[in-house]
Protein backbone atom coordinates (compact mmCIF):
# COMPACT_ATOMS: atom_id res chain seq x y z
CA GLN A 1 28.34 -3.71 -4.14
CA LYS A 2 29.07 -1.68 -7.15
CA ASN A 3 26.12 -0.96 -9.72
CA ILE A 4 23.74 -2.89 -8.00
CA HIS A 5 20.11 -0.69 -8.02
CA GLY A 6 17.38 -2.02 -5.36
CA GLN A 7 14.06 -1.31 -5.13
CA ILE A 8 11.42 -0.81 -2.56
CA PHE A 9 7.39 -1.06 -3.51
CA ASN A 10 5.28 0.29 -1.03
CA THR A 11 1.86 -1.17 -1.63
CA VAL A 12 -1.32 1.16 -0.26
CA GLY A 13 -4.70 -0.06 -0.02
CA SER A 14 -8.09 1.21 1.14
CA GLY A 15 -6.32 2.72 4.27
CA VAL A 16 -4.72 4.85 2.40
CA ARG A 17 -7.09 7.98 1.83
CA GLY A 18 -8.24 8.09 5.39
CA GLY A 19 -11.50 6.55 5.50
CA GLY A 20 -12.90 3.76 8.00
CA THR A 21 -12.00 0.00 7.82
CA PRO A 22 -14.25 -1.38 10.54
CA GLY A 23 -12.71 -4.01 11.87
CA TYR A 24 -9.10 -4.21 9.91
CA VAL A 25 -7.86 -0.92 12.26
CA SER A 26 -4.19 -2.34 12.06
CA TYR A 27 -4.82 -2.51 8.45
CA GLY A 28 -5.77 0.52 8.14
CA ALA A 29 -3.49 2.75 9.87
CA ALA A 30 -0.27 0.58 8.20
CA LYS A 31 -1.95 1.17 5.27
CA ARG A 32 -2.17 5.11 6.09
CA GLY A 33 1.39 5.74 7.35
CA LEU A 34 3.10 3.80 4.25
CA PRO A 35 3.04 6.97 1.96
CA GLN A 36 4.68 9.10 4.27
CA MET A 37 6.63 6.66 5.50
CA THR A 38 7.63 5.75 1.63
CA ASP A 39 8.16 9.83 1.19
CA SER A 40 10.58 9.98 4.61
CA ILE A 41 12.61 6.89 3.22
CA VAL A 42 12.89 8.85 -0.56
CA ALA A 43 13.86 12.10 1.13
CA GLU A 44 16.43 10.50 3.39
CA LEU A 45 18.15 8.81 0.65
CA ALA A 46 18.07 12.21 -1.25
CA GLY A 47 20.38 13.15 1.68
CA LYS A 48 17.61 15.68 2.91
CA THR A 49 17.92 14.36 6.75
CA GLN A 50 19.27 17.78 8.84
CA GLY A 51 22.30 16.98 11.12
CA TYR A 52 22.90 13.47 9.53
CA ASP A 53 25.37 12.50 6.81
CA TRP A 54 22.87 10.30 5.38
CA PRO A 55 22.88 8.21 3.27
CA PRO A 56 26.27 7.04 3.86
CA LYS A 57 28.07 6.88 0.56
CA THR A 58 27.73 3.58 -1.51
CA PRO A 59 28.35 2.47 -5.14
CA GLY A 60 25.17 0.75 -5.00
CA SER A 61 21.53 2.86 -4.99
CA VAL A 62 18.00 2.51 -4.11
CA SER A 63 14.82 3.71 -5.28
CA VAL A 64 11.48 3.43 -3.08
CA HIS A 65 8.02 3.47 -5.02
CA THR A 66 4.69 3.49 -3.64
CA LEU A 67 1.99 1.14 -5.97
CA SER A 68 -1.82 1.84 -5.27
CA PRO A 69 -3.09 -1.11 -7.53
CA GLY A 70 -7.11 -0.23 -6.24
CA MET A 71 -9.03 -3.06 -5.56
CA VAL A 72 -7.47 -6.75 -5.12
CA PHE A 73 -10.00 -9.67 -4.01
CA THR A 74 -7.83 -11.38 -1.22
CA ASP A 75 -8.60 -13.16 2.07
CA LEU A 76 -8.49 -10.09 3.97
CA LEU A 77 -11.36 -8.31 1.37
CA LEU A 78 -13.37 -11.28 1.52
CA LYS A 79 -13.05 -13.37 4.51
CA ASP A 80 -15.89 -13.11 7.10
CA SER A 81 -18.19 -11.02 5.30
CA THR A 82 -21.68 -11.65 4.17
CA PRO A 83 -23.58 -11.32 0.66
CA GLU A 84 -24.62 -8.24 1.35
CA LEU A 85 -21.18 -6.52 2.60
CA ARG A 86 -19.68 -8.24 -0.37
CA LYS A 87 -22.78 -6.81 -2.79
CA PHE A 88 -20.77 -3.30 -3.37
CA PRO A 89 -17.54 -4.46 -4.76
CA PHE A 90 -18.61 -7.82 -6.82
CA SER A 91 -21.70 -5.15 -8.21
CA VAL A 92 -19.66 -2.64 -9.08
CA LEU A 93 -16.88 -5.00 -10.81
CA ALA A 94 -19.08 -8.16 -11.73
CA ALA A 95 -22.61 -9.62 -11.53
CA THR A 96 -23.25 -12.45 -8.56
CA PRO A 97 -24.40 -15.88 -10.20
CA GLU A 98 -28.18 -15.48 -9.16
CA GLU A 99 -28.14 -12.03 -10.93
CA VAL A 100 -27.13 -13.93 -14.32
CA ALA A 101 -29.42 -16.59 -13.82
């Protein structure tokens, strides 16, 4: 549509730097591929696709971005973890109730 501008935000996580994420192979592989996918889409939207008349001429536009918010305490991070596994992130960001007591 005319004068419509879309935004695509790809959120990367701990797997983006290539470090192992034991138990979360699919998550790590997907996050590792997001920057490459984003760069490819940006290049395609800029008309850098060889051999194709791409992108098609449209009245609107789309921008593509990568976000890296840092560590987020989600169920994926905390589910099935033990106090020992949680100690590192929590000790960096906050003390446990037992340590405060």
